[in-house]
């Protein structure tokens, strides 16, 4: 699984995403309607449609780039939340659930 993550990261680096493209892909992931209650599905689909329109505008006139970027998103679905948490947060916060740490980080004094 870690090897696939390294391959994915390498491929994303080769694509040389702009900050805007990166933000669009993050928003598409954030507003994914998968696994949410039915009453939220339509709203999230609307948000995704808006983000997609904005991504297309950002990448104009290169429709192939939009397709290439969007085809990267299914790869992310192969990584479980637990795997991502283990890879990125255990070294940072120790062997603690990220669900327990986020509220603490959000309330920490700056």
N, C-alpha and C. Protein backbone atom coordinates (compact mmCIF):
# COMPACT_ATOMS: atom_id res chain seq x y z
N UNK A 1 0.83 -1.19 0.00
CA UNK A 1 0.00 0.00 0.00
C UNK A 1 0.88 1.26 0.00
N UNK A 2 1.94 1.23 0.77
CA UNK A 2 2.84 2.38 0.84
C UNK A 2 3.51 2.62 -0.52
N UNK A 3 3.82 1.55 -1.22
CA UNK A 3 4.42 1.67 -2.56
C UNK A 3 3.45 2.38 -3.51
N UNK A 4 2.16 2.03 -3.43
CA UNK A 4 1.17 2.69 -4.28
C UNK A 4 1.07 4.17 -3.94
N UNK A 5 1.18 4.50 -2.67
CA UNK A 5 1.14 5.90 -2.26
C UNK A 5 2.33 6.66 -2.84
N UNK A 6 3.51 6.07 -2.78
CA UNK A 6 4.69 6.71 -3.36
C UNK A 6 4.53 6.90 -4.87
N UNK A 7 3.96 5.91 -5.54
CA UNK A 7 3.72 6.03 -6.98
C UNK A 7 2.74 7.17 -7.27
N UNK A 8 1.68 7.23 -6.47
CA UNK A 8 0.68 8.28 -6.65
C UNK A 8 1.31 9.66 -6.46
N UNK A 9 2.06 9.82 -5.40
CA UNK A 9 2.69 11.11 -5.11
C UNK A 9 3.66 11.48 -6.24
N UNK A 10 4.43 10.51 -6.71
CA UNK A 10 5.35 10.77 -7.81
C UNK A 10 4.62 11.21 -9.07
N UNK A 11 3.51 10.55 -9.36
CA UNK A 11 2.73 10.92 -10.54
C UNK A 11 2.15 12.32 -10.40
N UNK A 12 1.66 12.64 -9.22
CA UNK A 12 1.10 13.97 -8.99
C UNK A 12 2.19 15.04 -9.12
N UNK A 13 3.39 14.74 -8.66
CA UNK A 13 4.50 15.69 -8.80
C UNK A 13 4.84 15.91 -10.27
N UNK A 14 4.77 14.85 -11.07
CA UNK A 14 5.05 14.97 -12.50
C UNK A 14 4.02 15.85 -13.20
N UNK A 15 2.80 15.86 -12.69
CA UNK A 15 1.75 16.68 -13.30
C UNK A 15 1.95 18.17 -13.02
N UNK A 16 2.77 18.49 -12.02
CA UNK A 16 3.07 19.88 -11.67
C UNK A 16 1.79 20.72 -11.52
N UNK A 17 0.98 20.32 -10.58
CA UNK A 17 -0.27 21.03 -10.33
C UNK A 17 -0.01 22.46 -9.88
N UNK A 18 -0.82 23.35 -10.39
CA UNK A 18 -0.78 24.72 -9.88
C UNK A 18 -1.49 24.73 -8.53
N UNK A 19 -1.32 25.79 -7.78
CA UNK A 19 -2.01 25.90 -6.49
C UNK A 19 -3.53 25.84 -6.69
N UNK A 20 -4.01 26.46 -7.75
CA UNK A 20 -5.46 26.46 -8.02
C UNK A 20 -5.96 25.06 -8.36
N UNK A 21 -5.21 24.34 -9.19
CA UNK A 21 -5.61 22.98 -9.54
C UNK A 21 -5.63 22.10 -8.30
N UNK A 22 -4.61 22.25 -7.47
CA UNK A 22 -4.54 21.47 -6.24
C UNK A 22 -5.75 21.78 -5.35
N UNK A 23 -6.08 23.04 -5.23
CA UNK A 23 -7.23 23.45 -4.41
C UNK A 23 -8.53 22.86 -4.96
N UNK A 24 -8.66 22.85 -6.28
CA UNK A 24 -9.86 22.28 -6.89
C UNK A 24 -9.98 20.78 -6.59
N UNK A 25 -8.89 20.06 -6.73
CA UNK A 25 -8.93 18.62 -6.45
C UNK A 25 -9.24 18.35 -4.98
N UNK A 26 -8.68 19.15 -4.11
CA UNK A 26 -8.98 18.99 -2.68
C UNK A 26 -10.45 19.26 -2.41
N UNK A 27 -11.00 20.28 -3.05
CA UNK A 27 -12.42 20.60 -2.86
C UNK A 27 -13.31 19.47 -3.39
N UNK A 28 -12.93 18.89 -4.52
CA UNK A 28 -13.72 17.78 -5.05
C UNK A 28 -13.73 16.61 -4.08
N UNK A 29 -12.61 16.36 -3.44
CA UNK A 29 -12.55 15.28 -2.43
C UNK A 29 -13.37 15.66 -1.20
N UNK A 30 -13.23 16.89 -0.77
CA UNK A 30 -13.94 17.35 0.43
C UNK A 30 -15.45 17.27 0.25
N UNK A 31 -15.93 17.64 -0.93
CA UNK A 31 -17.37 17.67 -1.18
C UNK A 31 -17.89 16.37 -1.78
N UNK A 32 -17.19 15.28 -1.57
CA UNK A 32 -17.64 13.99 -2.09
C UNK A 32 -18.91 13.56 -1.37
N UNK A 33 -19.94 13.19 -2.12
CA UNK A 33 -21.19 12.77 -1.49
C UNK A 33 -21.19 11.32 -1.04
N UNK A 34 -20.09 10.63 -1.20
CA UNK A 34 -20.03 9.22 -0.83
C UNK A 34 -20.16 9.04 0.69
N UNK A 35 -21.08 8.19 1.07
CA UNK A 35 -21.23 7.82 2.47
C UNK A 35 -21.86 8.88 3.36
N UNK A 36 -22.49 9.88 2.77
CA UNK A 36 -23.15 10.90 3.59
C UNK A 36 -24.65 10.63 3.62
N UNK A 37 -25.35 11.19 4.59
CA UNK A 37 -26.80 11.01 4.62
C UNK A 37 -27.45 11.55 3.35
N UNK A 38 -28.57 10.96 2.99
CA UNK A 38 -29.26 11.32 1.75
C UNK A 38 -29.57 12.81 1.65
N UNK A 39 -29.90 13.45 2.76
CA UNK A 39 -30.29 14.85 2.69
C UNK A 39 -29.12 15.76 2.31
N UNK A 40 -27.89 15.27 2.42
CA UNK A 40 -26.72 16.07 2.04
C UNK A 40 -26.22 15.78 0.63
N UNK A 41 -26.62 14.66 0.08
CA UNK A 41 -26.09 14.22 -1.21
C UNK A 41 -26.27 15.26 -2.30
N UNK A 42 -27.47 15.77 -2.47
CA UNK A 42 -27.75 16.74 -3.55
C UNK A 42 -26.92 18.01 -3.39
N UNK A 43 -26.81 18.51 -2.17
CA UNK A 43 -26.05 19.73 -1.91
C UNK A 43 -24.57 19.52 -2.25
N UNK A 44 -24.02 18.38 -1.85
CA UNK A 44 -22.62 18.10 -2.14
C UNK A 44 -22.39 17.91 -3.63
N UNK A 45 -23.34 17.30 -4.32
CA UNK A 45 -23.23 17.16 -5.77
C UNK A 45 -23.23 18.54 -6.44
N UNK A 46 -24.05 19.44 -5.93
CA UNK A 46 -24.07 20.81 -6.46
C UNK A 46 -22.72 21.50 -6.25
N UNK A 47 -22.14 21.33 -5.06
CA UNK A 47 -20.83 21.92 -4.78
C UNK A 47 -19.77 21.33 -5.71
N UNK A 48 -19.81 20.02 -5.90
CA UNK A 48 -18.84 19.39 -6.80
C UNK A 48 -18.99 19.93 -8.22
N UNK A 49 -20.21 20.12 -8.67
CA UNK A 49 -20.44 20.64 -10.02
C UNK A 49 -19.84 22.04 -10.16
N UNK A 50 -20.00 22.86 -9.13
CA UNK A 50 -19.43 24.22 -9.17
C UNK A 50 -17.90 24.17 -9.20
N UNK A 51 -17.33 23.29 -8.39
CA UNK A 51 -15.87 23.16 -8.36
C UNK A 51 -15.37 22.65 -9.71
N UNK A 52 -16.07 21.70 -10.30
CA UNK A 52 -15.67 21.17 -11.59
C UNK A 52 -15.72 22.24 -12.68
N UNK A 53 -16.77 23.06 -12.67
CA UNK A 53 -16.84 24.17 -13.65
C UNK A 53 -15.66 25.12 -13.46
N UNK A 54 -15.33 25.40 -12.23
CA UNK A 54 -14.21 26.29 -11.95
C UNK A 54 -12.89 25.66 -12.39
N UNK A 55 -12.72 24.36 -12.17
CA UNK A 55 -11.51 23.67 -12.61
C UNK A 55 -11.39 23.74 -14.13
N UNK A 56 -12.49 23.52 -14.82
CA UNK A 56 -12.46 23.60 -16.29
C UNK A 56 -12.05 24.99 -16.75
N UNK A 57 -12.56 26.01 -16.08
CA UNK A 57 -12.19 27.38 -16.42
C UNK A 57 -10.70 27.61 -16.17
N UNK A 58 -10.22 27.10 -15.05
CA UNK A 58 -8.80 27.25 -14.69
C UNK A 58 -7.89 26.59 -15.72
N UNK A 59 -8.30 25.44 -16.23
CA UNK A 59 -7.45 24.67 -17.15
C UNK A 59 -7.67 24.99 -18.62
N UNK A 60 -8.61 25.89 -18.93
CA UNK A 60 -8.90 26.19 -20.33
C UNK A 60 -7.64 26.62 -21.05
N UNK A 61 -7.48 26.26 -22.28
CA UNK A 61 -8.34 25.46 -23.14
C UNK A 61 -7.98 23.97 -23.12
N UNK A 62 -7.25 23.52 -22.11
CA UNK A 62 -6.71 22.16 -22.08
C UNK A 62 -7.67 21.19 -21.40
N UNK A 63 -8.69 20.73 -22.14
CA UNK A 63 -9.66 19.77 -21.59
C UNK A 63 -9.00 18.45 -21.21
N UNK A 64 -7.94 18.10 -21.92
CA UNK A 64 -7.25 16.85 -21.62
C UNK A 64 -6.61 16.92 -20.23
N UNK A 65 -6.13 18.09 -19.85
CA UNK A 65 -5.54 18.25 -18.51
C UNK A 65 -6.61 18.04 -17.45
N UNK A 66 -7.79 18.58 -17.67
CA UNK A 66 -8.89 18.39 -16.71
C UNK A 66 -9.15 16.90 -16.54
N UNK A 67 -9.24 16.18 -17.64
CA UNK A 67 -9.50 14.74 -17.58
C UNK A 67 -8.37 14.02 -16.84
N UNK A 68 -7.13 14.39 -17.13
CA UNK A 68 -5.99 13.76 -16.47
C UNK A 68 -6.04 13.99 -14.96
N UNK A 69 -6.36 15.21 -14.57
CA UNK A 69 -6.43 15.52 -13.14
C UNK A 69 -7.56 14.75 -12.46
N UNK A 70 -8.71 14.71 -13.10
CA UNK A 70 -9.86 14.01 -12.51
C UNK A 70 -9.62 12.51 -12.40
N UNK A 71 -8.86 11.96 -13.33
CA UNK A 71 -8.58 10.53 -13.28
C UNK A 71 -7.65 10.14 -12.13
N UNK A 72 -7.07 11.12 -11.47
CA UNK A 72 -6.22 10.83 -10.31
C UNK A 72 -7.06 10.59 -9.06
N UNK A 73 -8.26 11.12 -9.02
CA UNK A 73 -9.07 11.04 -7.81
C UNK A 73 -9.47 9.62 -7.41
N UNK A 74 -9.82 8.74 -8.35
CA UNK A 74 -10.17 7.38 -7.92
C UNK A 74 -9.03 6.65 -7.21
N UNK A 75 -7.79 6.99 -7.56
CA UNK A 75 -6.65 6.36 -6.89
C UNK A 75 -6.69 6.67 -5.39
N UNK A 76 -7.09 7.88 -5.05
CA UNK A 76 -7.15 8.27 -3.64
C UNK A 76 -8.13 7.41 -2.86
N UNK A 77 -9.17 6.93 -3.51
CA UNK A 77 -10.17 6.12 -2.83
C UNK A 77 -9.61 4.77 -2.39
N UNK A 78 -8.51 4.36 -2.98
CA UNK A 78 -7.93 3.07 -2.59
C UNK A 78 -7.21 3.15 -1.25
N UNK A 79 -6.93 4.35 -0.78
CA UNK A 79 -6.25 4.53 0.50
C UNK A 79 -7.29 4.77 1.58
N UNK A 80 -7.30 3.90 2.57
CA UNK A 80 -8.27 4.04 3.66
C UNK A 80 -7.88 5.20 4.56
N UNK A 81 -8.85 5.71 5.27
CA UNK A 81 -8.59 6.78 6.23
C UNK A 81 -7.58 6.36 7.28
N UNK A 82 -7.68 5.13 7.72
CA UNK A 82 -6.75 4.62 8.73
C UNK A 82 -5.33 4.59 8.19
N UNK A 83 -5.16 4.17 6.93
CA UNK A 83 -3.84 4.14 6.33
C UNK A 83 -3.24 5.54 6.24
N UNK A 84 -4.03 6.49 5.75
CA UNK A 84 -3.55 7.88 5.62
C UNK A 84 -3.19 8.43 7.00
N UNK A 85 -4.03 8.15 7.97
CA UNK A 85 -3.77 8.61 9.34
C UNK A 85 -2.45 8.04 9.85
N UNK A 86 -2.23 6.75 9.63
CA UNK A 86 -1.00 6.11 10.09
C UNK A 86 0.23 6.70 9.41
N UNK A 87 0.14 6.90 8.11
CA UNK A 87 1.29 7.39 7.35
C UNK A 87 1.64 8.83 7.69
N UNK A 88 0.63 9.69 7.78
CA UNK A 88 0.91 11.11 7.89
C UNK A 88 0.85 11.68 9.30
N UNK A 89 0.13 11.03 10.21
CA UNK A 89 -0.06 11.65 11.51
C UNK A 89 0.65 10.94 12.66
N UNK A 90 0.89 9.65 12.56
CA UNK A 90 1.51 8.94 13.68
C UNK A 90 2.88 9.52 14.00
N UNK A 91 3.68 9.80 12.98
CA UNK A 91 4.99 10.40 13.22
C UNK A 91 4.90 11.81 13.77
N UNK A 92 3.81 12.48 13.49
CA UNK A 92 3.63 13.87 13.91
C UNK A 92 3.08 13.97 15.33
N UNK A 93 2.07 13.17 15.64
CA UNK A 93 1.41 13.29 16.94
C UNK A 93 1.55 12.05 17.80
N UNK A 94 2.23 11.02 17.32
CA UNK A 94 2.34 9.79 18.08
C UNK A 94 1.18 8.86 17.77
N UNK A 95 1.07 7.82 18.54
CA UNK A 95 0.05 6.80 18.30
C UNK A 95 -1.28 7.22 18.94
N UNK A 96 -1.87 8.27 18.37
CA UNK A 96 -3.13 8.83 18.86
C UNK A 96 -4.06 8.99 17.67
N UNK A 97 -5.33 8.76 17.87
CA UNK A 97 -6.30 8.93 16.80
C UNK A 97 -6.36 10.40 16.39
N UNK A 98 -6.31 10.65 15.10
CA UNK A 98 -6.36 12.03 14.60
C UNK A 98 -7.69 12.68 14.97
N UNK A 99 -8.75 11.88 15.11
CA UNK A 99 -10.04 12.43 15.53
C UNK A 99 -9.95 13.07 16.92
N UNK A 100 -9.06 12.56 17.74
CA UNK A 100 -8.88 13.12 19.08
C UNK A 100 -7.97 14.35 19.05
N UNK A 101 -7.08 14.41 18.09
CA UNK A 101 -6.09 15.48 18.04
C UNK A 101 -6.62 16.74 17.37
N UNK A 102 -7.42 16.59 16.33
CA UNK A 102 -7.89 17.76 15.56
C UNK A 102 -8.59 18.79 16.45
N UNK A 103 -9.55 18.40 17.30
CA UNK A 103 -10.17 19.43 18.14
C UNK A 103 -9.15 20.15 19.03
N UNK A 104 -8.17 19.42 19.52
CA UNK A 104 -7.13 20.04 20.34
C UNK A 104 -6.34 21.06 19.51
N UNK A 105 -5.95 20.67 18.29
CA UNK A 105 -5.18 21.58 17.44
C UNK A 105 -5.98 22.82 17.06
N UNK A 106 -7.26 22.63 16.82
CA UNK A 106 -8.10 23.77 16.44
C UNK A 106 -8.29 24.76 17.58
N UNK A 107 -8.24 24.26 18.81
CA UNK A 107 -8.43 25.13 19.97
C UNK A 107 -7.12 25.63 20.57
N UNK A 108 -5.99 25.19 20.03
CA UNK A 108 -4.69 25.59 20.58
C UNK A 108 -4.48 27.08 20.40
N UNK A 109 -3.80 27.67 21.36
CA UNK A 109 -3.47 29.09 21.25
C UNK A 109 -2.44 29.28 20.16
N UNK A 110 -2.54 30.40 19.50
CA UNK A 110 -1.59 30.69 18.41
C UNK A 110 -0.56 31.66 18.88
